[in-house]
Amino acid sequence: MSLTDFELLDKSSETLKVLAHPLRLAIIELLLKDKRLSVSDIYEALEIEQSVASYHLKNLRIVNLVVPNRIGTKIFYTIKNEQVSNVFYSIIKLCEN
């Protein structure tokens, strides 16, 4: 058995750090339910300031969990891939017990 290379482990650790915030998990949950949301949709749904939503979306974007798409003057976010959904629901299921 071989160990995973440390570069991948470091990247994985950074992703877990980003996920370790309740607002970021809430944003992921919203995006999993609605598939595509604007920044204003997100901050209104979570009842937070626009700047707070943008900050957390930036962190999720840096580790490639969400993808921005500009349409006119609005930026819409989607989940990058199915693995994000798998990880999110695995974490929730792990913590339910």
PDB file of N, CA and C in Angstrom:
ATOM      1  N   MET A   1       0.847  -1.181   0.000  1.00  0.00           N
ATOM      2  CA  MET A   1       0.000   0.000   0.000  1.00  0.00           C
ATOM      3  C   MET A   1       0.890   1.241   0.000  1.00  0.00           C
ATOM      4  N   SER A   2       0.554   2.205  -0.842  1.00  0.00           N
ATOM      5  CA  SER A   2       1.347   3.432  -0.898  1.00  0.00           C
ATOM      6  C   SER A   2       0.553   4.595  -0.314  1.00  0.00           C
ATOM      7  N   LEU A   3       1.274   5.544   0.226  1.00  0.00           N
ATOM      8  CA  LEU A   3       0.643   6.733   0.775  1.00  0.00           C
ATOM      9  C   LEU A   3       0.302   7.700  -0.346  1.00  0.00           C
ATOM     10  N   THR A   4      -0.795   8.429  -0.159  1.00  0.00           N
ATOM     11  CA  THR A   4      -1.143   9.490  -1.096  1.00  0.00           C
ATOM     12  C   THR A   4      -0.084  10.568  -0.988  1.00  0.00           C
ATOM     13  N   ASP A   5       0.244  11.199  -2.109  1.00  0.00           N
ATOM     14  CA  ASP A   5       1.304  12.208  -2.058  1.00  0.00           C
ATOM     15  C   ASP A   5       0.879  13.411  -1.207  1.00  0.00           C
ATOM     16  N   PHE A   6       1.848  14.025  -0.599  1.00  0.00           N
ATOM     17  CA  PHE A   6       1.588  15.112   0.350  1.00  0.00           C
ATOM     18  C   PHE A   6       0.960  16.337  -0.307  1.00  0.00           C
ATOM     19  N   GLU A   7       1.218  16.570  -1.574  1.00  0.00           N
ATOM     20  CA  GLU A   7       0.590  17.700  -2.255  1.00  0.00           C
ATOM     21  C   GLU A   7      -0.928  17.521  -2.307  1.00  0.00           C
ATOM     22  N   LEU A   8      -1.371  16.303  -2.602  1.00  0.00           N
ATOM     23  CA  LEU A   8      -2.805  16.015  -2.624  1.00  0.00           C
ATOM     24  C   LEU A   8      -3.393  16.063  -1.223  1.00  0.00           C
ATOM     25  N   LEU A   9      -2.654  15.576  -0.246  1.00  0.00           N
ATOM     26  CA  LEU A   9      -3.128  15.643   1.141  1.00  0.00           C
ATOM     27  C   LEU A   9      -3.255  17.090   1.606  1.00  0.00           C
ATOM     28  N   ASP A  10      -2.312  17.937   1.206  1.00  0.00           N
ATOM     29  CA  ASP A  10      -2.368  19.355   1.565  1.00  0.00           C
ATOM     30  C   ASP A  10      -3.587  20.020   0.937  1.00  0.00           C
ATOM     31  N   LYS A  11      -3.829  19.741  -0.325  1.00  0.00           N
ATOM     32  CA  LYS A  11      -4.993  20.294  -1.028  1.00  0.00           C
ATOM     33  C   LYS A  11      -6.295  19.802  -0.379  1.00  0.00           C
ATOM     34  N   SER A  12      -6.323  18.536  -0.011  1.00  0.00           N
ATOM     35  CA  SER A  12      -7.496  17.967   0.654  1.00  0.00           C
ATOM     36  C   SER A  12      -7.740  18.635   2.001  1.00  0.00           C
ATOM     37  N   SER A  13      -6.677  18.900   2.729  1.00  0.00           N
ATOM     38  CA  SER A  13      -6.775  19.576   4.017  1.00  0.00           C
ATOM     39  C   SER A  13      -7.347  20.976   3.860  1.00  0.00           C
ATOM     40  N   GLU A  14      -6.898  21.713   2.844  1.00  0.00           N
ATOM     41  CA  GLU A  14      -7.423  23.065   2.589  1.00  0.00           C
ATOM     42  C   GLU A  14      -8.910  23.023   2.257  1.00  0.00           C
ATOM     43  N   THR A  15      -9.331  22.042   1.486  1.00  0.00           N
ATOM     44  CA  THR A  15     -10.747  21.901   1.148  1.00  0.00           C
ATOM     45  C   THR A  15     -11.569  21.625   2.399  1.00  0.00           C
ATOM     46  N   LEU A  16     -11.069  20.753   3.257  1.00  0.00           N
ATOM     47  CA  LEU A  16     -11.788  20.454   4.507  1.00  0.00           C
ATOM     48  C   LEU A  16     -11.876  21.683   5.409  1.00  0.00           C
ATOM     49  N   LYS A  17     -10.827  22.485   5.441  1.00  0.00           N
ATOM     50  CA  LYS A  17     -10.859  23.722   6.228  1.00  0.00           C
ATOM     51  C   LYS A  17     -11.953  24.661   5.727  1.00  0.00           C
ATOM     52  N   VAL A  18     -12.077  24.771   4.411  1.00  0.00           N
ATOM     53  CA  VAL A  18     -13.106  25.631   3.833  1.00  0.00           C
ATOM     54  C   VAL A  18     -14.497  25.095   4.175  1.00  0.00           C
ATOM     55  N   LEU A  19     -14.643  23.784   4.137  1.00  0.00           N
ATOM     56  CA  LEU A  19     -15.944  23.182   4.457  1.00  0.00           C
ATOM     57  C   LEU A  19     -16.307  23.304   5.936  1.00  0.00           C
ATOM     58  N   ALA A  20     -15.319  23.571   6.773  1.00  0.00           N
ATOM     59  CA  ALA A  20     -15.531  23.592   8.217  1.00  0.00           C
ATOM     60  C   ALA A  20     -16.136  24.911   8.701  1.00  0.00           C
ATOM     61  N   HIS A  21     -17.164  25.379   8.007  1.00  0.00           N
ATOM     62  CA  HIS A  21     -17.867  26.595   8.434  1.00  0.00           C
ATOM     63  C   HIS A  21     -19.353  26.413   8.140  1.00  0.00           C
ATOM     64  N   PRO A  22     -20.212  26.650   9.134  1.00  0.00           N
ATOM     65  CA  PRO A  22     -21.645  26.403   8.940  1.00  0.00           C
ATOM     66  C   PRO A  22     -22.275  27.202   7.796  1.00  0.00           C
ATOM     67  N   LEU A  23     -21.850  28.444   7.595  1.00  0.00           N
ATOM     68  CA  LEU A  23     -22.431  29.226   6.496  1.00  0.00           C
ATOM     69  C   LEU A  23     -22.041  28.654   5.134  1.00  0.00           C
ATOM     70  N   ARG A  24     -20.827  28.162   5.025  1.00  0.00           N
ATOM     71  CA  ARG A  24     -20.397  27.568   3.754  1.00  0.00           C
ATOM     72  C   ARG A  24     -21.163  26.276   3.485  1.00  0.00           C
ATOM     73  N   LEU A  25     -21.382  25.497   4.528  1.00  0.00           N
ATOM     74  CA  LEU A  25     -22.196  24.289   4.365  1.00  0.00           C
ATOM     75  C   LEU A  25     -23.629  24.658   3.992  1.00  0.00           C
ATOM     76  N   ALA A  26     -24.152  25.729   4.577  1.00  0.00           N
ATOM     77  CA  ALA A  26     -25.506  26.185   4.247  1.00  0.00           C
ATOM     78  C   ALA A  26     -25.581  26.633   2.782  1.00  0.00           C
ATOM     79  N   ILE A  27     -24.546  27.307   2.306  1.00  0.00           N
ATOM     80  CA  ILE A  27     -24.509  27.732   0.901  1.00  0.00           C
ATOM     81  C   ILE A  27     -24.496  26.505  -0.009  1.00  0.00           C
ATOM     82  N   ILE A  28     -23.691  25.527   0.337  1.00  0.00           N
ATOM     83  CA  ILE A  28     -23.645  24.299  -0.463  1.00  0.00           C
ATOM     84  C   ILE A  28     -25.010  23.620  -0.466  1.00  0.00           C
ATOM     85  N   GLU A  29     -25.644  23.561   0.684  1.00  0.00           N
ATOM     86  CA  GLU A  29     -26.968  22.931   0.757  1.00  0.00           C
ATOM     87  C   GLU A  29     -27.976  23.663  -0.136  1.00  0.00           C
ATOM     88  N   LEU A  30     -27.961  24.995  -0.106  1.00  0.00           N
ATOM     89  CA  LEU A  30     -28.848  25.776  -0.979  1.00  0.00           C
ATOM     90  C   LEU A  30     -28.589  25.470  -2.448  1.00  0.00           C
ATOM     91  N   LEU A  31     -27.321  25.430  -2.816  1.00  0.00           N
ATOM     92  CA  LEU A  31     -26.969  25.175  -4.219  1.00  0.00           C
ATOM     93  C   LEU A  31     -27.310  23.751  -4.647  1.00  0.00           C
ATOM     94  N   LEU A  32     -27.222  22.809  -3.732  1.00  0.00           N
ATOM     95  CA  LEU A  32     -27.607  21.438  -4.065  1.00  0.00           C
ATOM     96  C   LEU A  32     -29.108  21.344  -4.315  1.00  0.00           C
ATOM     97  N   LYS A  33     -29.881  22.126  -3.571  1.00  0.00           N
ATOM     98  CA  LYS A  33     -31.341  22.107  -3.734  1.00  0.00           C
ATOM     99  C   LYS A  33     -31.784  22.868  -4.979  1.00  0.00           C
ATOM    100  N   ASP A  34     -31.205  24.050  -5.221  1.00  0.00           N
ATOM    101  CA  ASP A  34     -31.683  24.923  -6.292  1.00  0.00           C
ATOM    102  C   ASP A  34     -30.823  24.913  -7.546  1.00  0.00           C
ATOM    103  N   LYS A  35     -29.694  24.227  -7.515  1.00  0.00           N
ATOM    104  CA  LYS A  35     -28.786  24.064  -8.661  1.00  0.00           C
ATOM    105  C   LYS A  35     -28.029  25.323  -9.085  1.00  0.00           C
ATOM    106  N   ARG A  36     -28.702  26.472  -9.172  1.00  0.00           N
ATOM    107  CA  ARG A  36     -28.034  27.704  -9.610  1.00  0.00           C
ATOM    108  C   ARG A  36     -28.680  28.884  -8.901  1.00  0.00           C
ATOM    109  N   LEU A  37     -27.837  29.652  -8.186  1.00  0.00           N
ATOM    110  CA  LEU A  37     -28.338  30.800  -7.435  1.00  0.00           C
ATOM    111  C   LEU A  37     -27.421  31.996  -7.615  1.00  0.00           C
ATOM    112  N   SER A  38     -28.025  33.176  -7.581  1.00  0.00           N
ATOM    113  CA  SER A  38     -27.231  34.405  -7.600  1.00  0.00           C
ATOM    114  C   SER A  38     -26.758  34.701  -6.182  1.00  0.00           C
ATOM    115  N   VAL A  39     -25.810  35.605  -6.071  1.00  0.00           N
ATOM    116  CA  VAL A  39     -25.324  36.022  -4.758  1.00  0.00           C
ATOM    117  C   VAL A  39     -26.494  36.572  -3.936  1.00  0.00           C
ATOM    118  N   SER A  40     -27.353  37.375  -4.563  1.00  0.00           N
ATOM    119  CA  SER A  40     -28.486  37.948  -3.822  1.00  0.00           C
ATOM    120  C   SER A  40     -29.458  36.865  -3.374  1.00  0.00           C
ATOM    121  N   ASP A  41     -29.683  35.830  -4.192  1.00  0.00           N
ATOM    122  CA  ASP A  41     -30.527  34.711  -3.765  1.00  0.00           C
ATOM    123  C   ASP A  41     -29.962  34.071  -2.498  1.00  0.00           C
ATOM    124  N   ILE A  42     -28.660  33.922  -2.471  1.00  0.00           N
ATOM    125  CA  ILE A  42     -27.998  33.252  -1.345  1.00  0.00           C
ATOM    126  C   ILE A  42     -28.064  34.093  -0.089  1.00  0.00           C
ATOM    127  N   TYR A  43     -27.695  35.372  -0.166  1.00  0.00           N
ATOM    128  CA  TYR A  43     -27.694  36.167   1.068  1.00  0.00           C
ATOM    129  C   TYR A  43     -29.096  36.424   1.581  1.00  0.00           C
ATOM    130  N   GLU A  44     -30.074  36.509   0.688  1.00  0.00           N
ATOM    131  CA  GLU A  44     -31.455  36.676   1.142  1.00  0.00           C
ATOM    132  C   GLU A  44     -31.971  35.408   1.817  1.00  0.00           C
ATOM    133  N   ALA A  45     -31.671  34.252   1.247  1.00  0.00           N
ATOM    134  CA  ALA A  45     -32.120  32.979   1.828  1.00  0.00           C
ATOM    135  C   ALA A  45     -31.508  32.736   3.197  1.00  0.00           C
ATOM    136  N   LEU A  46     -30.246  33.126   3.363  1.00  0.00           N
ATOM    137  CA  LEU A  46     -29.551  32.886   4.633  1.00  0.00           C
ATOM    138  C   LEU A  46     -29.672  34.056   5.607  1.00  0.00           C
ATOM    139  N   GLU A  47     -30.292  35.151   5.138  1.00  0.00           N
ATOM    140  CA  GLU A  47     -30.466  36.348   5.956  1.00  0.00           C
ATOM    141  C   GLU A  47     -29.133  36.864   6.506  1.00  0.00           C
ATOM    142  N   ILE A  48     -28.180  37.013   5.583  1.00  0.00           N
ATOM    143  CA  ILE A  48     -26.863  37.543   5.920  1.00  0.00           C
ATOM    144  C   ILE A  48     -26.567  38.714   4.989  1.00  0.00           C
ATOM    145  N   GLU A  49     -25.527  39.467   5.290  1.00  0.00           N
ATOM    146  CA  GLU A  49     -25.117  40.579   4.443  1.00  0.00           C
ATOM    147  C   GLU A  49     -24.527  40.072   3.127  1.00  0.00           C
ATOM    148  N   GLN A  50     -24.650  40.879   2.100  1.00  0.00           N
ATOM    149  CA  GLN A  50     -24.107  40.524   0.788  1.00  0.00           C
ATOM    150  C   GLN A  50     -22.603  40.286   0.863  1.00  0.00           C
ATOM    151  N   SER A  51     -21.905  41.115   1.619  1.00  0.00           N
ATOM    152  CA  SER A  51     -20.452  40.977   1.723  1.00  0.00           C
ATOM    153  C   SER A  51     -20.058  39.657   2.395  1.00  0.00           C
ATOM    154  N   VAL A  52     -20.858  39.212   3.348  1.00  0.00           N
ATOM    155  CA  VAL A  52     -20.586  37.938   4.027  1.00  0.00           C
ATOM    156  C   VAL A  52     -20.779  36.777   3.050  1.00  0.00           C
ATOM    157  N   ALA A  53     -21.863  36.813   2.292  1.00  0.00           N
ATOM    158  CA  ALA A  53     -22.110  35.764   1.297  1.00  0.00           C
ATOM    159  C   ALA A  53     -20.987  35.733   0.264  1.00  0.00           C
ATOM    160  N   SER A  54     -20.586  36.891  -0.222  1.00  0.00           N
ATOM    161  CA  SER A  54     -19.517  36.968  -1.224  1.00  0.00           C
ATOM    162  C   SER A  54     -18.204  36.421  -0.681  1.00  0.00           C
ATOM    163  N   TYR A  55     -17.897  36.729   0.564  1.00  0.00           N
ATOM    164  CA  TYR A  55     -16.670  36.233   1.195  1.00  0.00           C
ATOM    165  C   TYR A  55     -16.658  34.702   1.232  1.00  0.00           C
ATOM    166  N   HIS A  56     -17.765  34.108   1.668  1.00  0.00           N
ATOM    167  CA  HIS A  56     -17.825  32.653   1.779  1.00  0.00           C
ATOM    168  C   HIS A  56     -17.848  31.989   0.401  1.00  0.00           C
ATOM    169  N   LEU A  57     -18.511  32.606  -0.562  1.00  0.00           N
ATOM    170  CA  LEU A  57     -18.500  32.076  -1.924  1.00  0.00           C
ATOM    171  C   LEU A  57     -17.096  32.113  -2.513  1.00  0.00           C
ATOM    172  N   LYS A  58     -16.355  33.168  -2.209  1.00  0.00           N
ATOM    173  CA  LYS A  58     -14.972  33.264  -2.686  1.00  0.00           C
ATOM    174  C   LYS A  58     -14.144  32.098  -2.152  1.00  0.00           C
ATOM    175  N   ASN A  59     -14.314  31.784  -0.872  1.00  0.00           N
ATOM    176  CA  ASN A  59     -13.575  30.669  -0.276  1.00  0.00           C
ATOM    177  C   ASN A  59     -13.962  29.338  -0.908  1.00  0.00           C
ATOM    178  N   LEU A  60     -15.248  29.148  -1.167  1.00  0.00           N
ATOM    179  CA  LEU A  60     -15.698  27.922  -1.823  1.00  0.00           C
ATOM    180  C   LEU A  60     -15.172  27.836  -3.258  1.00  0.00           C
ATOM    181  N   ARG A  61     -15.075  28.972  -3.914  1.00  0.00           N
ATOM    182  CA  ARG A  61     -14.574  29.028  -5.287  1.00  0.00           C
ATOM    183  C   ARG A  61     -13.075  28.713  -5.342  1.00  0.00           C
ATOM    184  N   ILE A  62     -12.314  29.206  -4.373  1.00  0.00           N
ATOM    185  CA  ILE A  62     -10.862  28.998  -4.351  1.00  0.00           C
ATOM    186  C   ILE A  62     -10.506  27.511  -4.339  1.00  0.00           C
ATOM    187  N   VAL A  63     -11.293  26.703  -3.623  1.00  0.00           N
ATOM    188  CA  VAL A  63     -11.000  25.266  -3.550  1.00  0.00           C
ATOM    189  C   VAL A  63     -11.860  24.458  -4.535  1.00  0.00           C
ATOM    190  N   ASN A  64     -12.440  25.157  -5.510  1.00  0.00           N
ATOM    191  CA  ASN A  64     -13.170  24.517  -6.604  1.00  0.00           C
ATOM    192  C   ASN A  64     -14.401  23.707  -6.182  1.00  0.00           C
ATOM    193  N   LEU A  65     -15.113  24.196  -5.177  1.00  0.00           N
ATOM    194  CA  LEU A  65     -16.360  23.540  -4.791  1.00  0.00           C
ATOM    195  C   LEU A  65     -17.557  24.138  -5.526  1.00  0.00           C
ATOM    196  N   VAL A  66     -17.466  25.427  -5.847  1.00  0.00           N
ATOM    197  CA  VAL A  66     -18.521  26.085  -6.605  1.00  0.00           C
ATOM    198  C   VAL A  66     -17.905  26.790  -7.818  1.00  0.00           C
ATOM    199  N   VAL A  67     -18.762  27.053  -8.803  1.00  0.00           N
ATOM    200  CA  VAL A  67     -18.319  27.682 -10.040  1.00  0.00           C
ATOM    201  C   VAL A  67     -19.201  28.904 -10.311  1.00  0.00           C
ATOM    202  N   PRO A  68     -18.570  30.082 -10.555  1.00  0.00           N
ATOM    203  CA  PRO A  68     -19.356  31.274 -10.896  1.00  0.00           C
ATOM    204  C   PRO A  68     -19.646  31.335 -12.394  1.00  0.00           C
ATOM    205  N   ASN A  69     -20.766  31.936 -12.724  1.00  0.00           N
ATOM    206  CA  ASN A  69     -21.127  32.147 -14.121  1.00  0.00           C
ATOM    207  C   ASN A  69     -21.832  33.494 -14.217  1.00  0.00           C
ATOM    208  N   ARG A  70     -21.232  34.439 -14.934  1.00  0.00           N
ATOM    209  CA  ARG A  70     -21.808  35.778 -15.064  1.00  0.00           C
ATOM    210  C   ARG A  70     -22.843  35.793 -16.184  1.00  0.00           C
ATOM    211  N   ILE A  71     -24.020  36.305 -15.841  1.00  0.00           N
ATOM    212  CA  ILE A  71     -25.077  36.521 -16.825  1.00  0.00           C
ATOM    213  C   ILE A  71     -25.521  37.963 -16.654  1.00  0.00           C
ATOM    214  N   GLY A  72     -25.143  38.805 -17.603  1.00  0.00           N
ATOM    215  CA  GLY A  72     -25.424  40.231 -17.484  1.00  0.00           C
ATOM    216  C   GLY A  72     -24.644  40.810 -16.323  1.00  0.00           C
ATOM    217  N   THR A  73     -25.343  41.444 -15.402  1.00  0.00           N
ATOM    218  CA  THR A  73     -24.679  42.039 -14.242  1.00  0.00           C
ATOM    219  C   THR A  73     -24.666  41.115 -13.028  1.00  0.00           C
ATOM    220  N   LYS A  74     -25.321  39.962 -13.129  1.00  0.00           N
ATOM    221  CA  LYS A  74     -25.398  39.045 -11.994  1.00  0.00           C
ATOM    222  C   LYS A  74     -24.428  37.887 -12.154  1.00  0.00           C
ATOM    223  N   ILE A  75     -23.937  37.425 -11.014  1.00  0.00           N
ATOM    224  CA  ILE A  75     -23.109  36.226 -10.987  1.00  0.00           C
ATOM    225  C   ILE A  75     -23.923  35.115 -10.338  1.00  0.00           C
ATOM    226  N   PHE A  76     -24.017  33.995 -11.033  1.00  0.00           N
ATOM    227  CA  PHE A  76     -24.727  32.829 -10.517  1.00  0.00           C
ATOM    228  C   PHE A  76     -23.709  31.756 -10.154  1.00  0.00           C
ATOM    229  N   TYR A  77     -24.019  31.017  -9.104  1.00  0.00           N
ATOM    230  CA  TYR A  77     -23.120  29.959  -8.642  1.00  0.00           C
ATOM    231  C   TYR A  77     -23.791  28.607  -8.775  1.00  0.00           C
ATOM    232  N   THR A  78     -22.977  27.621  -9.109  1.00  0.00           N
ATOM    233  CA  THR A  78     -23.409  26.230  -9.153  1.00  0.00           C
ATOM    234  C   THR A  78     -22.359  25.381  -8.450  1.00  0.00           C
ATOM    235  N   ILE A  79     -22.761  24.184  -8.073  1.00  0.00           N
ATOM    236  CA  ILE A  79     -21.830  23.214  -7.494  1.00  0.00           C
ATOM    237  C   ILE A  79     -20.957  22.680  -8.624  1.00  0.00           C
ATOM    238  N   LYS A  80     -19.662  22.555  -8.354  1.00  0.00           N
ATOM    239  CA  LYS A  80     -18.715  22.168  -9.409  1.00  0.00           C
ATOM    240  C   LYS A  80     -18.976  20.765  -9.949  1.00  0.00           C
ATOM    241  N   ASN A  81     -19.152  19.776  -9.067  1.00  0.00           N
ATOM    242  CA  ASN A  81     -19.387  18.416  -9.543  1.00  0.00           C
ATOM    243  C   ASN A  81     -20.102  17.576  -8.482  1.00  0.00           C
ATOM    244  N   GLU A  82     -20.462  16.384  -8.857  1.00  0.00           N
ATOM    245  CA  GLU A  82     -21.259  15.502  -8.001  1.00  0.00           C
ATOM    246  C   GLU A  82     -20.533  15.108  -6.714  1.00  0.00           C
ATOM    247  N   GLN A  83     -19.214  15.094  -6.729  1.00  0.00           N
ATOM    248  CA  GLN A  83     -18.480  14.709  -5.525  1.00  0.00           C
ATOM    249  C   GLN A  83     -18.766  15.658  -4.364  1.00  0.00           C
ATOM    250  N   VAL A  84     -19.029  16.922  -4.663  1.00  0.00           N
ATOM    251  CA  VAL A  84     -19.363  17.890  -3.608  1.00  0.00           C
ATOM    252  C   VAL A  84     -20.625  17.435  -2.894  1.00  0.00           C
ATOM    253  N   SER A  85     -21.611  17.000  -3.649  1.00  0.00           N
ATOM    254  CA  SER A  85     -22.851  16.493  -3.070  1.00  0.00           C
ATOM    255  C   SER A  85     -22.573  15.270  -2.200  1.00  0.00           C
ATOM    256  N   ASN A  86     -21.772  14.352  -2.699  1.00  0.00           N
ATOM    257  CA  ASN A  86     -21.446  13.140  -1.940  1.00  0.00           C
ATOM    258  C   ASN A  86     -20.771  13.477  -0.622  1.00  0.00           C
ATOM    259  N   VAL A  87     -19.809  14.397  -0.661  1.00  0.00           N
ATOM    260  CA  VAL A  87     -19.091  14.788   0.555  1.00  0.00           C
ATOM    261  C   VAL A  87     -20.046  15.482   1.530  1.00  0.00           C
ATOM    262  N   PHE A  88     -20.850  16.416   1.031  1.00  0.00           N
ATOM    263  CA  PHE A  88     -21.780  17.146   1.894  1.00  0.00           C
ATOM    264  C   PHE A  88     -22.708  16.182   2.623  1.00  0.00           C
ATOM    265  N   TYR A  89     -23.368  15.298   1.880  1.00  0.00           N
ATOM    266  CA  TYR A  89     -24.328  14.386   2.506  1.00  0.00           C
ATOM    267  C   TYR A  89     -23.640  13.352   3.391  1.00  0.00           C
ATOM    268  N   SER A  90     -22.408  12.986   3.077  1.00  0.00           N
ATOM    269  CA  SER A  90     -21.651  12.079   3.955  1.00  0.00           C
ATOM    270  C   SER A  90     -21.346  12.748   5.294  1.00  0.00           C
ATOM    271  N   ILE A  91     -20.964  14.018   5.257  1.00  0.00           N
ATOM    272  CA  ILE A  91     -20.691  14.751   6.499  1.00  0.00           C
ATOM    273  C   ILE A  91     -21.954  14.861   7.337  1.00  0.00           C
ATOM    274  N   ILE A  92     -23.065  15.227   6.704  1.00  0.00           N
ATOM    275  CA  ILE A  92     -24.336  15.371   7.424  1.00  0.00           C
ATOM    276  C   ILE A  92     -24.734  14.026   8.043  1.00  0.00           C
ATOM    277  N   LYS A  93     -24.636  12.954   7.284  1.00  0.00           N
ATOM    278  CA  LYS A  93     -25.007  11.632   7.779  1.00  0.00           C
ATOM    279  C   LYS A  93     -24.091  11.199   8.933  1.00  0.00           C
ATOM    280  N   LEU A  94     -22.809  11.477   8.812  1.00  0.00           N
ATOM    281  CA  LEU A  94     -21.854  11.156   9.859  1.00  0.00           C
ATOM    282  C   LEU A  94     -22.206  11.845  11.166  1.00  0.00           C
ATOM    283  N   CYS A  95     -22.655  13.074  11.080  1.00  0.00           N
ATOM    284  CA  CYS A  95     -22.926  13.876  12.274  1.00  0.00           C
ATOM    285  C   CYS A  95     -24.333  13.652  12.850  1.00  0.00           C
ATOM    286  N   GLU A  96     -25.206  13.011  12.109  1.00  0.00           N
ATOM    287  CA  GLU A  96     -26.561  12.745  12.612  1.00  0.00           C
ATOM    288  C   GLU A  96     -26.552  11.730  13.735  1.00  0.00           C
ATOM    289  N   ASN A  97     -25.589  10.839  13.726  1.00  0.00           N
ATOM    290  CA  ASN A  97     -25.553   9.759  14.732  1.00  0.00           C
ATOM    291  C   ASN A  97     -24.881  10.167  16.003  1.00  0.00           C
TER     292      ASN A  97
END
